[in-house]
Amino acid sequence: MTHPDFIIIGAMKSGTTTLAAQLAAQPGLFLTDPKEPNFFSDDEIHARGPDWYAGLFAAAPPGALKGEASTHYTKLPTYPDTVRRLAAAGPAPKLIYMIRNPLDRAVSHYIHEWTTGEIRSDLETALDRHPTLTEYGRYGMQIAPFADTFGPDRILLTSLEGLKADPEGELGRISAFIGLETPPVWQTGLGARNVSAERFRKLPFQRVLVDNPLARALRHALVPKALRERVRRARSITRRPELSEAARARLIPIFAADRDALARVFPDDPALGLCYPFLAP
């Protein structure tokens, strides 16, 4: 079986797509297409077998460090078998765990699920009905099985906040961790990924009914612009939702306790300060 040299294991809505794109642009690194194969997490994908997974790396240039980026790998309790499957596959790759302010992450997660139609309620109601909005941001809980199985030294903790504050420096730290010998160069032309498109709810059969050029031409010819704009506004989040004080009061103790768990695995890591500004030092 072809093993990756490194895996970005999450967290969801924490900048992993941007990081994967930057790494893929560096000479000497190869990342899979699709970006998120989810091989070790999703039952139906894991059932495709090791040859299918190995095939994702077949196009890697000789000598390139091979990697993938699957946020499903740190989505407990949704995917409980990831660590066991990864451990059984062979030598452990180096693991990159990218996090962000968990309060901000929960809001971005909500926006993502709203646009896909998985969530149709307001943010406050969704926090009650969809516990994964909180659970996927409990980084200490999510990373503990990886640290217990592979050891903290095999894991690099990084953050969206750190990448924003010092893109070149943080990319260099990540690249050195995975073994890239030449200093990376931040590709400014790539920009941030998964930002502008995440606030527009897709319709059923979106590709056929909306994105198709013929359908678009007919829509513009037959439907008044005012009506088109009204429909578009109804399917858009034009203003980023904000957590109420009551929601913050409920979530902050959860994330504070989890930060302590994260700090036990990664004591004094810069991400601990960057990602929890709502906690007193």
Protein backbone atom coordinates (compact mmCIF):
# COMPACT_ATOMS: atom_id res chain seq x y z
CA MET A 1 0.00 0.00 0.00
CA THR A 2 1.23 3.50 -0.82
CA HIS A 3 1.31 5.48 2.40
CA PRO A 4 1.08 9.27 2.59
CA ASP A 5 3.96 11.03 4.28
CA PHE A 6 1.59 13.51 5.91
CA ILE A 7 -2.12 14.08 6.43
CA ILE A 8 -3.98 17.27 7.32
CA ILE A 9 -6.58 15.81 9.67
CA GLY A 10 -8.80 18.86 10.27
CA ALA A 11 -10.53 20.66 11.83
CA MET A 12 -13.49 21.43 9.60
CA LYS A 13 -13.88 25.13 8.69
CA SER A 14 -10.43 25.98 10.01
CA GLY A 15 -8.54 26.80 6.82
CA THR A 16 -7.47 23.31 5.77
CA THR A 17 -8.40 23.93 2.12
CA THR A 18 -6.20 27.02 2.01
CA LEU A 19 -3.33 25.17 3.68
CA ALA A 20 -3.67 22.19 1.34
CA ALA A 21 -3.63 24.47 -1.70
CA GLN A 22 -0.50 26.24 -0.47
CA LEU A 23 1.30 22.97 0.20
CA ALA A 24 0.26 21.53 -3.15
CA ALA A 25 1.82 24.55 -4.87
CA GLN A 26 5.26 23.83 -3.39
CA PRO A 27 7.84 21.88 -5.41
CA GLY A 28 8.51 18.54 -3.79
CA LEU A 29 5.02 18.12 -2.34
CA PHE A 30 2.06 16.22 -3.78
CA LEU A 31 -1.51 16.28 -2.49
CA THR A 32 -4.37 14.12 -3.66
CA ASP A 33 -7.23 15.12 -5.90
CA PRO A 34 -9.82 15.05 -4.39
CA LYS A 35 -8.40 17.04 -1.49
CA GLU A 36 -10.51 15.09 1.02
CA PRO A 37 -10.53 11.36 0.20
CA ASN A 38 -11.88 10.53 3.71
CA PHE A 39 -10.54 7.01 3.28
CA PHE A 40 -9.95 6.16 6.92
CA SER A 41 -13.17 7.72 8.20
CA ASP A 42 -16.06 6.95 5.85
CA ASP A 43 -17.20 3.33 5.78
CA GLU A 44 -18.25 3.33 2.12
CA ILE A 45 -14.98 4.91 0.99
CA HIS A 46 -12.80 2.65 3.15
CA ALA A 47 -14.59 -0.31 1.58
CA ARG A 48 -13.01 0.63 -1.76
CA GLY A 49 -9.82 -0.85 -0.41
CA PRO A 50 -6.14 0.02 -0.11
CA ASP A 51 -5.50 -0.19 -3.84
CA TRP A 52 -8.03 2.59 -4.46
CA TYR A 53 -6.35 4.74 -1.81
CA ALA A 54 -2.89 4.02 -3.19
CA GLY A 55 -4.09 5.06 -6.62
CA LEU A 56 -4.69 8.59 -5.36
CA PHE A 57 -0.91 8.98 -5.04
CA ALA A 58 0.01 7.33 -8.34
CA ALA A 59 0.67 10.65 -10.08
CA ALA A 60 3.12 11.86 -7.42
CA PRO A 61 6.53 12.79 -8.94
CA PRO A 62 9.44 10.59 -7.85
CA GLY A 63 10.78 11.72 -4.49
CA ALA A 64 7.85 14.01 -3.70
CA LEU A 65 6.38 13.99 -0.22
CA LYS A 66 2.79 12.75 -0.52
CA GLY A 67 -0.14 13.99 1.50
CA GLU A 68 -3.88 14.40 1.74
CA ALA A 69 -6.30 16.52 3.76
CA SER A 70 -9.50 15.02 5.21
CA THR A 71 -11.38 16.91 7.89
CA HIS A 72 -13.60 13.87 8.50
CA TYR A 73 -10.66 12.37 10.39
CA THR A 74 -11.34 14.62 13.38
CA LYS A 75 -15.11 14.38 13.43
CA LEU A 76 -15.97 12.41 16.52
CA PRO A 77 -18.44 10.96 17.25
CA THR A 78 -19.54 10.84 13.60
CA TYR A 79 -16.59 8.77 12.36
CA PRO A 80 -15.33 6.61 15.23
CA ASP A 81 -13.01 4.23 13.33
CA THR A 82 -10.50 6.64 11.81
CA VAL A 83 -7.60 6.15 14.21
CA ARG A 84 -7.96 2.37 14.33
CA ARG A 85 -7.94 2.14 10.54
CA LEU A 86 -5.02 4.51 10.17
CA ALA A 87 -2.99 2.60 12.75
CA ALA A 88 -3.73 -0.69 11.00
CA ALA A 89 -2.66 0.64 7.60
CA GLY A 90 1.04 0.74 8.38
CA PRO A 91 3.65 3.34 9.30
CA ALA A 92 2.03 6.43 10.74
CA PRO A 93 2.28 9.57 8.62
CA LYS A 94 2.97 12.94 10.16
CA LEU A 95 -0.29 14.60 11.13
CA ILE A 96 -1.21 18.28 10.86
CA TYR A 97 -4.14 19.41 13.00
CA MET A 98 -5.34 22.87 12.04
CA ILE A 99 -7.74 24.60 14.43
CA ARG A 100 -9.27 28.04 14.94
CA ASN A 101 -11.27 29.97 17.52
CA PRO A 102 -13.95 27.33 18.28
CA LEU A 103 -16.71 29.93 18.61
CA ASP A 104 -15.93 31.25 15.12
CA ARG A 105 -15.62 27.71 13.82
CA ALA A 106 -19.10 26.83 15.09
CA VAL A 107 -20.59 29.79 13.20
CA SER A 108 -18.75 28.88 9.98
CA HIS A 109 -19.87 25.27 10.39
CA TYR A 110 -23.46 26.47 10.76
CA ILE A 111 -23.17 28.58 7.58
CA HIS A 112 -21.78 25.60 5.68
CA GLU A 113 -24.60 23.31 6.78
CA TRP A 114 -27.19 25.99 6.05
CA THR A 115 -25.94 26.40 2.49
CA THR A 116 -26.06 22.65 1.88
CA GLY A 117 -29.59 22.45 3.29
CA GLU A 118 -28.60 20.17 6.18
CA ILE A 119 -29.64 22.90 8.61
CA ARG A 120 -32.63 25.14 7.96
CA SER A 121 -33.09 26.79 11.34
CA ASP A 122 -31.48 29.88 12.83
CA LEU A 123 -28.09 29.60 14.56
CA GLU A 124 -29.40 29.44 18.13
CA THR A 125 -31.82 26.63 17.34
CA ALA A 126 -29.17 24.79 15.34
CA LEU A 127 -26.80 24.75 18.31
CA ASP A 128 -29.45 22.87 20.28
CA ARG A 129 -30.39 20.46 17.52
CA HIS A 130 -26.98 19.79 15.98
CA PRO A 131 -24.38 18.94 18.63
CA THR A 132 -21.63 18.49 16.03
CA LEU A 133 -21.47 22.29 15.71
CA THR A 134 -19.90 22.14 19.15
CA GLU A 135 -18.29 18.70 19.13
CA TYR A 136 -16.12 19.29 16.07
CA GLY A 137 -14.64 22.31 17.85
CA ARG A 138 -13.65 20.34 20.94
CA TYR A 139 -10.10 20.01 19.69
CA GLY A 140 -8.67 18.38 22.80
CA MET A 141 -11.27 15.64 22.61
CA GLN A 142 -10.81 15.17 18.87
CA ILE A 143 -7.02 14.92 18.91
CA ALA A 144 -6.67 12.74 22.03
CA PRO A 145 -7.07 9.38 20.19
CA PHE A 146 -4.37 10.38 17.69
CA ALA A 147 -1.99 11.49 20.44
CA ASP A 148 -2.62 8.33 22.45
CA THR A 149 -2.05 6.08 19.44
CA PHE A 150 0.75 7.81 17.54
CA GLY A 151 2.27 10.15 20.13
CA PRO A 152 2.17 13.96 20.24
CA ASP A 153 5.50 14.17 18.40
CA ARG A 154 3.81 12.88 15.24
CA ILE A 155 1.29 15.74 15.34
CA LEU A 156 1.77 19.41 14.52
CA LEU A 157 -0.82 21.77 15.94
CA THR A 158 -1.39 24.84 13.80
CA SER A 159 -4.17 27.38 13.45
CA LEU A 160 -6.00 29.55 10.99
CA GLU A 161 -5.12 32.54 13.16
CA GLY A 162 -1.43 31.66 13.01
CA LEU A 163 -1.53 31.22 9.25
CA LYS A 164 -3.21 34.59 8.85
CA ALA A 165 -0.81 36.37 11.19
CA ASP A 166 2.36 35.02 9.55
CA PRO A 167 1.56 33.11 6.34
CA GLU A 168 5.16 32.57 5.20
CA GLY A 169 6.47 31.74 8.65
CA GLU A 170 3.69 29.31 9.55
CA LEU A 171 3.86 27.60 6.16
CA GLY A 172 7.59 27.23 6.70
CA ARG A 173 7.05 25.65 10.12
CA ILE A 174 4.53 23.20 8.69
CA SER A 175 6.73 22.35 5.72
CA ALA A 176 9.73 21.71 7.95
CA PHE A 177 7.63 19.40 10.12
CA ILE A 178 6.62 17.22 7.17
CA GLY A 179 10.20 17.09 5.89
CA LEU A 180 10.32 19.54 3.00
CA GLU A 181 13.97 20.53 2.63
CA THR A 182 13.53 23.72 0.61
CA PRO A 183 11.83 26.76 2.17
CA PRO A 184 8.26 27.16 0.86
CA VAL A 185 7.00 30.28 -0.86
CA TRP A 186 3.53 31.58 0.02
CA GLN A 187 1.48 31.83 -3.17
CA THR A 188 -0.45 35.08 -2.86
CA GLY A 189 -2.40 34.38 -6.03
CA LEU A 190 -4.14 31.40 -4.45
CA GLY A 191 -5.97 33.54 -1.89
CA ALA A 192 -8.29 32.12 0.75
CA ARG A 193 -10.36 29.10 -0.18
CA ASN A 194 -13.96 28.19 0.69
CA VAL A 195 -14.88 31.76 1.63
CA SER A 196 -17.16 33.50 -0.88
CA ALA A 197 -19.22 30.51 -1.99
CA GLU A 198 -20.14 29.26 1.46
CA ARG A 199 -23.05 31.64 2.12
CA PHE A 200 -25.27 30.71 -0.81
CA ARG A 201 -27.70 27.82 -0.42
CA LYS A 202 -27.64 25.43 -3.34
CA LEU A 203 -30.89 24.16 -4.79
CA PRO A 204 -31.68 20.53 -5.61
CA PHE A 205 -30.33 19.85 -9.11
CA GLN A 206 -28.30 23.09 -8.84
CA ARG A 207 -25.99 22.13 -11.68
CA VAL A 208 -28.85 21.43 -14.10
CA LEU A 209 -31.29 24.14 -13.09
CA VAL A 210 -28.99 27.00 -12.14
CA ASP A 211 -25.41 26.53 -13.28
CA ASN A 212 -26.26 25.22 -16.74
CA PRO A 213 -25.55 27.97 -19.35
CA LEU A 214 -28.83 27.35 -21.21
CA ALA A 215 -30.85 27.47 -17.99
CA ARG A 216 -29.06 30.67 -17.02
CA ALA A 217 -29.86 32.30 -20.37
CA LEU A 218 -33.55 31.32 -20.15
CA ARG A 219 -33.76 32.58 -16.58
CA HIS A 220 -32.35 35.95 -17.53
CA ALA A 221 -34.67 36.18 -20.53
CA LEU A 222 -37.90 35.10 -18.84
CA VAL A 223 -37.62 36.01 -15.16
CA PRO A 224 -37.63 39.69 -14.14
CA LYS A 225 -34.41 40.81 -12.48
CA ALA A 226 -36.23 41.99 -9.35
CA LEU A 227 -37.67 38.52 -8.84
CA ARG A 228 -34.31 36.87 -9.49
CA GLU A 229 -32.69 39.10 -6.89
CA ARG A 230 -35.42 38.39 -4.34
CA VAL A 231 -34.98 34.63 -4.78
CA ARG A 232 -31.21 35.00 -4.51
CA ARG A 233 -31.49 36.98 -1.26
CA ALA A 234 -33.77 34.31 0.20
CA ARG A 235 -31.07 31.72 -0.48
CA SER A 236 -28.19 33.81 0.83
CA ILE A 237 -26.68 34.70 4.17
CA THR A 238 -25.91 38.34 3.56
CA ARG A 239 -24.69 38.99 7.10
CA ARG A 240 -22.59 36.59 9.13
CA PRO A 241 -24.64 35.27 12.08
CA GLU A 242 -23.42 36.12 15.57
CA LEU A 243 -23.64 34.08 18.72
CA SER A 244 -25.93 35.54 21.34
CA GLU A 245 -24.59 36.24 24.82
CA ALA A 246 -26.62 33.28 26.09
CA ALA A 247 -25.06 30.97 23.50
CA ARG A 248 -21.56 32.24 24.30
CA ALA A 249 -22.18 31.73 28.00
CA ARG A 250 -23.16 28.14 27.32
CA LEU A 251 -20.33 27.33 24.90
CA ILE A 252 -17.38 29.05 26.58
CA PRO A 253 -17.19 26.67 29.60
CA ILE A 254 -17.29 23.70 27.20
CA PHE A 255 -14.46 25.07 25.10
CA ALA A 256 -12.50 26.21 28.17
CA ALA A 257 -12.46 22.70 29.59
CA ASP A 258 -11.51 21.31 26.21
CA ARG A 259 -8.69 23.84 25.86
CA ASP A 260 -7.24 22.44 29.06
CA ALA A 261 -7.34 18.97 27.51
CA LEU A 262 -5.64 20.32 24.38
CA ALA A 263 -2.97 22.03 26.49
CA ARG A 264 -2.12 18.74 28.17
CA VAL A 265 -1.18 17.34 24.74
CA PHE A 266 0.43 20.53 23.38
CA PRO A 267 1.60 22.59 26.39
CA ASP A 268 2.58 26.17 25.62
CA ASP A 269 1.67 25.83 21.94
CA PRO A 270 1.05 29.25 20.31
CA ALA A 271 -2.32 28.05 19.02
CA LEU A 272 -3.59 27.90 22.60
CA GLY A 273 -3.38 31.66 22.91
CA LEU A 274 -4.36 32.50 19.36
CA CYS A 275 -7.53 30.39 19.25
CA TYR A 276 -9.02 31.15 22.66
CA PRO A 277 -9.06 34.94 22.99
CA PHE A 278 -12.34 34.70 24.91
CA LEU A 279 -10.56 33.04 27.84
CA ALA A 280 -8.68 35.08 30.43
CA PRO A 281 -4.91 34.37 30.38
